[in-house]
């Protein structure tokens, strides 16, 4: 079966094309920034956005898809678990 959308550029609202398990780290910057972050286990999520600003998203419920572009999920301040990055 051929890919119907081959040759079309993906926009920020397009379906995700890939993903990776996120290991919380205050040092590691993702090779691929996210377009979304899945939080499987409830808690706080400390992130660094693409522009370098940081934030702690508090009390994120389990099973939440956050449509955010981040380059890090920080270990300091993050209590959420089962986190995946989607792009």
PDB file of N, CA and C in Angstrom:
ATOM      1  N   UNK A   1       0.842  -1.171   0.000  1.00  0.00           N
ATOM      2  CA  UNK A   1       0.000   0.000   0.000  1.00  0.00           C
ATOM      3  C   UNK A   1       0.890   1.239   0.000  1.00  0.00           C
ATOM      4  N   UNK A   2       0.562   2.189  -0.846  1.00  0.00           N
ATOM      5  CA  UNK A   2       1.367   3.412  -0.912  1.00  0.00           C
ATOM      6  C   UNK A   2       0.907   4.425   0.132  1.00  0.00           C
ATOM      7  N   UNK A   3       1.820   5.284   0.518  1.00  0.00           N
ATOM      8  CA  UNK A   3       1.545   6.337   1.498  1.00  0.00           C
ATOM      9  C   UNK A   3       0.857   7.495   0.784  1.00  0.00           C
ATOM     10  N   UNK A   4      -0.416   7.743   1.104  1.00  0.00           N
ATOM     11  CA  UNK A   4      -1.208   8.774   0.426  1.00  0.00           C
ATOM     12  C   UNK A   4      -0.686  10.182   0.687  1.00  0.00           C
ATOM     13  N   UNK A   5      -0.028  10.386   1.814  1.00  0.00           N
ATOM     14  CA  UNK A   5       0.374  11.733   2.196  1.00  0.00           C
ATOM     15  C   UNK A   5       1.869  11.979   2.018  1.00  0.00           C
ATOM     16  N   UNK A   6       2.551  11.051   1.357  1.00  0.00           N
ATOM     17  CA  UNK A   6       3.970  11.219   1.084  1.00  0.00           C
ATOM     18  C   UNK A   6       4.171  12.476   0.240  1.00  0.00           C
ATOM     19  N   UNK A   7       5.103  13.287   0.602  1.00  0.00           N
ATOM     20  CA  UNK A   7       5.359  14.513  -0.138  1.00  0.00           C
ATOM     21  C   UNK A   7       4.686  15.734   0.455  1.00  0.00           C
ATOM     22  N   UNK A   8       3.736  15.517   1.367  1.00  0.00           N
ATOM     23  CA  UNK A   8       3.097  16.637   2.050  1.00  0.00           C
ATOM     24  C   UNK A   8       3.856  16.918   3.335  1.00  0.00           C
ATOM     25  N   UNK A   9       4.025  18.175   3.643  1.00  0.00           N
ATOM     26  CA  UNK A   9       4.736  18.498   4.878  1.00  0.00           C
ATOM     27  C   UNK A   9       3.797  18.392   6.072  1.00  0.00           C
ATOM     28  N   UNK A  10       4.335  17.902   7.174  1.00  0.00           N
ATOM     29  CA  UNK A  10       3.553  17.763   8.403  1.00  0.00           C
ATOM     30  C   UNK A  10       3.498  19.104   9.117  1.00  0.00           C
ATOM     31  N   UNK A  11       2.319  19.473   9.567  1.00  0.00           N
ATOM     32  CA  UNK A  11       2.145  20.690  10.349  1.00  0.00           C
ATOM     33  C   UNK A  11       2.062  20.352  11.826  1.00  0.00           C
ATOM     34  N   UNK A  12       1.987  21.382  12.649  1.00  0.00           N
ATOM     35  CA  UNK A  12       1.919  21.155  14.092  1.00  0.00           C
ATOM     36  C   UNK A  12       0.621  20.471  14.504  1.00  0.00           C
ATOM     37  N   UNK A  13      -0.427  20.565  13.679  1.00  0.00           N
ATOM     38  CA  UNK A  13      -1.702  19.913  13.986  1.00  0.00           C
ATOM     39  C   UNK A  13      -1.828  18.536  13.342  1.00  0.00           C
ATOM     40  N   UNK A  14      -0.826  18.112  12.602  1.00  0.00           N
ATOM     41  CA  UNK A  14      -0.858  16.806  11.941  1.00  0.00           C
ATOM     42  C   UNK A  14      -0.734  15.689  12.968  1.00  0.00           C
ATOM     43  N   UNK A  15      -1.171  14.475  12.598  1.00  0.00           N
ATOM     44  CA  UNK A  15      -0.967  13.337  13.510  1.00  0.00           C
ATOM     45  C   UNK A  15       0.527  13.143  13.787  1.00  0.00           C
ATOM     46  N   UNK A  16       0.812  12.582  14.932  1.00  0.00           N
ATOM     47  CA  UNK A  16       2.202  12.338  15.311  1.00  0.00           C
ATOM     48  C   UNK A  16       2.804  11.281  14.397  1.00  0.00           C
ATOM     49  N   UNK A  17       4.089  11.421  14.090  1.00  0.00           N
ATOM     50  CA  UNK A  17       4.779  10.497  13.196  1.00  0.00           C
ATOM     51  C   UNK A  17       5.708   9.552  13.930  1.00  0.00           C
ATOM     52  N   UNK A  18       6.029   9.858  15.177  1.00  0.00           N
ATOM     53  CA  UNK A  18       6.936   9.024  15.948  1.00  0.00           C
ATOM     54  C   UNK A  18       6.889   9.405  17.408  1.00  0.00           C
ATOM     55  N   UNK A  19       7.594   8.626  18.201  1.00  0.00           N
ATOM     56  CA  UNK A  19       7.607   8.907  19.629  1.00  0.00           C
ATOM     57  C   UNK A  19       8.773   8.222  20.314  1.00  0.00           C
ATOM     58  N   UNK A  20       8.951   8.559  21.580  1.00  0.00           N
ATOM     59  CA  UNK A  20      10.036   7.971  22.358  1.00  0.00           C
ATOM     60  C   UNK A  20       9.687   8.047  23.834  1.00  0.00           C
ATOM     61  N   UNK A  21      10.196   7.079  24.592  1.00  0.00           N
ATOM     62  CA  UNK A  21      10.035   7.105  26.046  1.00  0.00           C
ATOM     63  C   UNK A  21      10.930   8.203  26.600  1.00  0.00           C
ATOM     64  N   UNK A  22      10.407   8.967  27.530  1.00  0.00           N
ATOM     65  CA  UNK A  22      11.167  10.060  28.124  1.00  0.00           C
ATOM     66  C   UNK A  22      11.724   9.626  29.471  1.00  0.00           C
ATOM     67  N   UNK A  23      13.030   9.793  29.611  1.00  0.00           N
ATOM     68  CA  UNK A  23      13.696   9.616  30.893  1.00  0.00           C
ATOM     69  C   UNK A  23      13.951  11.002  31.464  1.00  0.00           C
ATOM     70  N   UNK A  24      13.401  11.262  32.640  1.00  0.00           N
ATOM     71  CA  UNK A  24      13.569  12.576  33.272  1.00  0.00           C
ATOM     72  C   UNK A  24      15.057  12.845  33.506  1.00  0.00           C
ATOM     73  N   UNK A  25      15.505  14.059  33.135  1.00  0.00           N
ATOM     74  CA  UNK A  25      16.914  14.416  33.310  1.00  0.00           C
ATOM     75  C   UNK A  25      17.065  15.931  33.321  1.00  0.00           C
ATOM     76  N   UNK A  26      17.883  16.425  34.231  1.00  0.00           N
ATOM     77  CA  UNK A  26      18.176  17.854  34.264  1.00  0.00           C
ATOM     78  C   UNK A  26      19.266  18.233  33.262  1.00  0.00           C
ATOM     79  N   UNK A  27      19.901  17.250  32.635  1.00  0.00           N
ATOM     80  CA  UNK A  27      21.014  17.523  31.726  1.00  0.00           C
ATOM     81  C   UNK A  27      20.709  17.186  30.266  1.00  0.00           C
ATOM     82  N   UNK A  28      19.960  16.118  30.026  1.00  0.00           N
ATOM     83  CA  UNK A  28      19.757  15.630  28.665  1.00  0.00           C
ATOM     84  C   UNK A  28      18.729  16.465  27.908  1.00  0.00           C
ATOM     85  N   UNK A  29      19.126  16.918  26.718  1.00  0.00           N
ATOM     86  CA  UNK A  29      18.221  17.615  25.802  1.00  0.00           C
ATOM     87  C   UNK A  29      17.835  16.613  24.718  1.00  0.00           C
ATOM     88  N   UNK A  30      16.540  16.539  24.389  1.00  0.00           N
ATOM     89  CA  UNK A  30      16.064  15.575  23.397  1.00  0.00           C
ATOM     90  C   UNK A  30      16.705  15.832  22.035  1.00  0.00           C
ATOM     91  N   UNK A  31      17.015  14.758  21.307  1.00  0.00           N
ATOM     92  CA  UNK A  31      17.505  14.877  19.936  1.00  0.00           C
ATOM     93  C   UNK A  31      16.396  15.424  19.037  1.00  0.00           C
ATOM     94  N   UNK A  32      15.154  15.086  19.355  1.00  0.00           N
ATOM     95  CA  UNK A  32      13.984  15.534  18.602  1.00  0.00           C
ATOM     96  C   UNK A  32      13.025  16.236  19.564  1.00  0.00           C
ATOM     97  N   UNK A  33      12.794  17.547  19.417  1.00  0.00           N
ATOM     98  CA  UNK A  33      11.816  18.210  20.286  1.00  0.00           C
ATOM     99  C   UNK A  33      10.423  17.608  20.082  1.00  0.00           C
ATOM    100  N   UNK A  34       9.604  17.704  21.096  1.00  0.00           N
ATOM    101  CA  UNK A  34       8.265  17.121  21.018  1.00  0.00           C
ATOM    102  C   UNK A  34       7.265  18.072  20.368  1.00  0.00           C
ATOM    103  N   UNK A  35       6.168  17.476  19.890  1.00  0.00           N
ATOM    104  CA  UNK A  35       4.956  18.228  19.537  1.00  0.00           C
ATOM    105  C   UNK A  35       3.865  17.889  20.532  1.00  0.00           C
ATOM    106  N   UNK A  36       4.104  16.860  21.327  1.00  0.00           N
ATOM    107  CA  UNK A  36       3.165  16.455  22.361  1.00  0.00           C
ATOM    108  C   UNK A  36       3.872  15.605  23.398  1.00  0.00           C
ATOM    109  N   UNK A  37       3.322  15.607  24.609  1.00  0.00           N
ATOM    110  CA  UNK A  37       3.864  14.791  25.699  1.00  0.00           C
ATOM    111  C   UNK A  37       2.711  14.024  26.329  1.00  0.00           C
ATOM    112  N   UNK A  38       2.858  12.709  26.404  1.00  0.00           N
ATOM    113  CA  UNK A  38       1.883  11.825  27.039  1.00  0.00           C
ATOM    114  C   UNK A  38       2.328  11.580  28.474  1.00  0.00           C
ATOM    115  N   UNK A  39       1.411  11.795  29.413  1.00  0.00           N
ATOM    116  CA  UNK A  39       1.679  11.532  30.825  1.00  0.00           C
ATOM    117  C   UNK A  39       0.802  10.355  31.240  1.00  0.00           C
ATOM    118  N   UNK A  40       1.428   9.201  31.466  1.00  0.00           N
ATOM    119  CA  UNK A  40       0.684   8.001  31.831  1.00  0.00           C
ATOM    120  C   UNK A  40       0.376   7.905  33.308  1.00  0.00           C
ATOM    121  N   UNK A  41       1.261   8.441  34.148  1.00  0.00           N
ATOM    122  CA  UNK A  41       1.076   8.411  35.596  1.00  0.00           C
ATOM    123  C   UNK A  41       1.012   9.821  36.156  1.00  0.00           C
ATOM    124  N   UNK A  42      -0.017  10.117  36.925  1.00  0.00           N
ATOM    125  CA  UNK A  42      -0.298  11.471  37.417  1.00  0.00           C
ATOM    126  C   UNK A  42       0.864  12.076  38.196  1.00  0.00           C
ATOM    127  N   UNK A  43       0.954  13.402  38.144  1.00  0.00           N
ATOM    128  CA  UNK A  43       1.958  14.126  38.920  1.00  0.00           C
ATOM    129  C   UNK A  43       2.307  15.449  38.279  1.00  0.00           C
ATOM    130  N   UNK A  44       3.348  16.070  38.790  1.00  0.00           N
ATOM    131  CA  UNK A  44       3.841  17.337  38.242  1.00  0.00           C
ATOM    132  C   UNK A  44       4.833  17.047  37.119  1.00  0.00           C
ATOM    133  N   UNK A  45       4.881  17.944  36.134  1.00  0.00           N
ATOM    134  CA  UNK A  45       5.775  17.781  34.994  1.00  0.00           C
ATOM    135  C   UNK A  45       6.586  19.062  34.827  1.00  0.00           C
ATOM    136  N   UNK A  46       7.895  18.967  35.072  1.00  0.00           N
ATOM    137  CA  UNK A  46       8.798  20.107  34.899  1.00  0.00           C
ATOM    138  C   UNK A  46       9.424  20.012  33.511  1.00  0.00           C
ATOM    139  N   UNK A  47       9.275  21.070  32.723  1.00  0.00           N
ATOM    140  CA  UNK A  47       9.717  21.040  31.332  1.00  0.00           C
ATOM    141  C   UNK A  47      10.566  22.253  30.987  1.00  0.00           C
ATOM    142  N   UNK A  48      11.359  22.094  29.921  1.00  0.00           N
ATOM    143  CA  UNK A  48      12.028  23.214  29.274  1.00  0.00           C
ATOM    144  C   UNK A  48      11.447  23.316  27.871  1.00  0.00           C
ATOM    145  N   UNK A  49      10.829  24.458  27.577  1.00  0.00           N
ATOM    146  CA  UNK A  49      10.247  24.692  26.259  1.00  0.00           C
ATOM    147  C   UNK A  49      11.346  24.979  25.242  1.00  0.00           C
ATOM    148  N   UNK A  50      10.988  24.996  23.965  1.00  0.00           N
ATOM    149  CA  UNK A  50      11.967  25.230  22.905  1.00  0.00           C
ATOM    150  C   UNK A  50      12.680  26.570  23.052  1.00  0.00           C
ATOM    151  N   UNK A  51      12.001  27.568  23.613  1.00  0.00           N
ATOM    152  CA  UNK A  51      12.632  28.884  23.756  1.00  0.00           C
ATOM    153  C   UNK A  51      13.541  28.988  24.980  1.00  0.00           C
ATOM    154  N   UNK A  52      13.669  27.883  25.737  1.00  0.00           N
ATOM    155  CA  UNK A  52      14.565  27.855  26.887  1.00  0.00           C
ATOM    156  C   UNK A  52      13.909  28.166  28.222  1.00  0.00           C
ATOM    157  N   UNK A  53      12.655  28.600  28.205  1.00  0.00           N
ATOM    158  CA  UNK A  53      11.964  28.857  29.470  1.00  0.00           C
ATOM    159  C   UNK A  53      11.546  27.540  30.110  1.00  0.00           C
ATOM    160  N   UNK A  54      11.449  27.550  31.428  1.00  0.00           N
ATOM    161  CA  UNK A  54      11.050  26.351  32.156  1.00  0.00           C
ATOM    162  C   UNK A  54       9.731  26.598  32.869  1.00  0.00           C
ATOM    163  N   UNK A  55       9.042  25.507  33.180  1.00  0.00           N
ATOM    164  CA  UNK A  55       7.745  25.589  33.839  1.00  0.00           C
ATOM    165  C   UNK A  55       7.492  24.271  34.547  1.00  0.00           C
ATOM    166  N   UNK A  56       6.690  24.318  35.586  1.00  0.00           N
ATOM    167  CA  UNK A  56       6.207  23.095  36.227  1.00  0.00           C
ATOM    168  C   UNK A  56       4.698  23.057  36.048  1.00  0.00           C
ATOM    169  N   UNK A  57       4.237  22.087  35.279  1.00  0.00           N
ATOM    170  CA  UNK A  57       2.807  21.875  35.073  1.00  0.00           C
ATOM    171  C   UNK A  57       2.336  21.007  36.229  1.00  0.00           C
ATOM    172  N   UNK A  58       1.516  21.565  37.084  1.00  0.00           N
ATOM    173  CA  UNK A  58       1.158  20.899  38.333  1.00  0.00           C
ATOM    174  C   UNK A  58      -0.076  20.017  38.189  1.00  0.00           C
ATOM    175  N   UNK A  59      -0.029  18.900  38.884  1.00  0.00           N
ATOM    176  CA  UNK A  59      -1.174  17.988  39.022  1.00  0.00           C
ATOM    177  C   UNK A  59      -1.727  17.519  37.680  1.00  0.00           C
ATOM    178  N   UNK A  60      -0.849  17.081  36.790  1.00  0.00           N
ATOM    179  CA  UNK A  60      -1.292  16.549  35.499  1.00  0.00           C
ATOM    180  C   UNK A  60      -1.927  15.181  35.748  1.00  0.00           C
ATOM    181  N   UNK A  61      -3.187  14.981  35.339  1.00  0.00           N
ATOM    182  CA  UNK A  61      -3.841  13.691  35.574  1.00  0.00           C
ATOM    183  C   UNK A  61      -3.226  12.575  34.720  1.00  0.00           C
ATOM    184  N   UNK A  62      -3.337  11.355  35.195  1.00  0.00           N
ATOM    185  CA  UNK A  62      -2.894  10.193  34.417  1.00  0.00           C
ATOM    186  C   UNK A  62      -3.686  10.140  33.114  1.00  0.00           C
ATOM    187  N   UNK A  63      -3.010   9.762  32.043  1.00  0.00           N
ATOM    188  CA  UNK A  63      -3.674   9.624  30.752  1.00  0.00           C
ATOM    189  C   UNK A  63      -3.900  10.941  30.037  1.00  0.00           C
ATOM    190  N   UNK A  64      -3.034  11.915  30.280  1.00  0.00           N
ATOM    191  CA  UNK A  64      -3.181  13.235  29.661  1.00  0.00           C
ATOM    192  C   UNK A  64      -2.204  13.403  28.506  1.00  0.00           C
ATOM    193  N   UNK A  65      -2.733  13.901  27.370  1.00  0.00           N
ATOM    194  CA  UNK A  65      -1.898  14.291  26.243  1.00  0.00           C
ATOM    195  C   UNK A  65      -1.752  15.808  26.285  1.00  0.00           C
ATOM    196  N   UNK A  66      -0.527  16.268  26.427  1.00  0.00           N
ATOM    197  CA  UNK A  66      -0.239  17.700  26.443  1.00  0.00           C
ATOM    198  C   UNK A  66       0.344  18.091  25.090  1.00  0.00           C
ATOM    199  N   UNK A  67      -0.281  19.009  24.414  1.00  0.00           N
ATOM    200  CA  UNK A  67       0.215  19.455  23.108  1.00  0.00           C
ATOM    201  C   UNK A  67       1.207  20.585  23.332  1.00  0.00           C
ATOM    202  N   UNK A  68       2.415  20.190  23.757  1.00  0.00           N
ATOM    203  CA  UNK A  68       3.452  21.169  24.070  1.00  0.00           C
ATOM    204  C   UNK A  68       4.747  20.802  23.358  1.00  0.00           C
ATOM    205  N   UNK A  69       5.507  21.821  22.978  1.00  0.00           N
ATOM    206  CA  UNK A  69       6.800  21.628  22.333  1.00  0.00           C
ATOM    207  C   UNK A  69       7.877  21.848  23.373  1.00  0.00           C
ATOM    208  N   UNK A  70       8.511  20.755  23.768  1.00  0.00           N
ATOM    209  CA  UNK A  70       9.555  20.831  24.784  1.00  0.00           C
ATOM    210  C   UNK A  70      10.818  20.134  24.302  1.00  0.00           C
ATOM    211  N   UNK A  71      11.948  20.535  24.918  1.00  0.00           N
ATOM    212  CA  UNK A  71      13.222  19.892  24.599  1.00  0.00           C
ATOM    213  C   UNK A  71      13.790  19.124  25.780  1.00  0.00           C
ATOM    214  N   UNK A  72      13.143  19.253  26.955  1.00  0.00           N
ATOM    215  CA  UNK A  72      13.557  18.515  28.153  1.00  0.00           C
ATOM    216  C   UNK A  72      12.364  18.287  29.066  1.00  0.00           C
ATOM    217  N   UNK A  73      12.378  17.137  29.738  1.00  0.00           N
ATOM    218  CA  UNK A  73      11.548  16.920  30.921  1.00  0.00           C
ATOM    219  C   UNK A  73      12.540  16.766  32.067  1.00  0.00           C
ATOM    220  N   UNK A  74      12.485  17.692  32.983  1.00  0.00           N
ATOM    221  CA  UNK A  74      13.471  17.770  34.057  1.00  0.00           C
ATOM    222  C   UNK A  74      13.162  16.788  35.180  1.00  0.00           C
ATOM    223  N   UNK A  75      14.209  16.206  35.763  1.00  0.00           N
ATOM    224  CA  UNK A  75      13.996  15.308  36.901  1.00  0.00           C
ATOM    225  C   UNK A  75      13.634  16.103  38.151  1.00  0.00           C
ATOM    226  N   UNK A  76      14.243  17.284  38.308  1.00  0.00           N
ATOM    227  CA  UNK A  76      13.910  18.142  39.445  1.00  0.00           C
ATOM    228  C   UNK A  76      12.535  18.754  39.211  1.00  0.00           C
ATOM    229  N   UNK A  77      11.591  18.418  40.062  1.00  0.00           N
ATOM    230  CA  UNK A  77      10.245  18.962  39.955  1.00  0.00           C
ATOM    231  C   UNK A  77       9.244  18.062  39.265  1.00  0.00           C
ATOM    232  N   UNK A  78       9.709  16.975  38.628  1.00  0.00           N
ATOM    233  CA  UNK A  78       8.789  16.063  37.947  1.00  0.00           C
ATOM    234  C   UNK A  78       8.479  14.877  38.838  1.00  0.00           C
ATOM    235  N   UNK A  79       7.191  14.683  39.120  1.00  0.00           N
ATOM    236  CA  UNK A  79       6.731  13.512  39.873  1.00  0.00           C
ATOM    237  C   UNK A  79       5.871  12.600  39.007  1.00  0.00           C
ATOM    238  N   UNK A  80       5.469  13.072  37.821  1.00  0.00           N
ATOM    239  CA  UNK A  80       4.691  12.255  36.892  1.00  0.00           C
ATOM    240  C   UNK A  80       5.548  11.091  36.396  1.00  0.00           C
ATOM    241  N   UNK A  81       4.889  10.028  35.948  1.00  0.00           N
ATOM    242  CA  UNK A  81       5.585   8.832  35.466  1.00  0.00           C
ATOM    243  C   UNK A  81       5.014   8.406  34.114  1.00  0.00           C
ATOM    244  N   UNK A  82       5.661   7.411  33.521  1.00  0.00           N
ATOM    245  CA  UNK A  82       5.219   6.835  32.243  1.00  0.00           C
ATOM    246  C   UNK A  82       5.028   7.932  31.195  1.00  0.00           C
ATOM    247  N   UNK A  83       6.102   8.681  30.954  1.00  0.00           N
ATOM    248  CA  UNK A  83       6.062   9.859  30.086  1.00  0.00           C
ATOM    249  C   UNK A  83       6.640   9.504  28.715  1.00  0.00           C
ATOM    250  N   UNK A  84       5.945   9.926  27.667  1.00  0.00           N
ATOM    251  CA  UNK A  84       6.413   9.712  26.298  1.00  0.00           C
ATOM    252  C   UNK A  84       6.392  11.024  25.541  1.00  0.00           C
ATOM    253  N   UNK A  85       7.370  11.199  24.662  1.00  0.00           N
ATOM    254  CA  UNK A  85       7.404  12.353  23.775  1.00  0.00           C
ATOM    255  C   UNK A  85       6.939  11.939  22.394  1.00  0.00           C
ATOM    256  N   UNK A  86       6.118  12.752  21.777  1.00  0.00           N
ATOM    257  CA  UNK A  86       5.605  12.473  20.432  1.00  0.00           C
ATOM    258  C   UNK A  86       5.996  13.614  19.511  1.00  0.00           C
ATOM    259  N   UNK A  87       6.285  13.267  18.255  1.00  0.00           N
ATOM    260  CA  UNK A  87       6.676  14.283  17.278  1.00  0.00           C
ATOM    261  C   UNK A  87       6.066  13.993  15.932  1.00  0.00           C
TER     262      UNK A  87
END
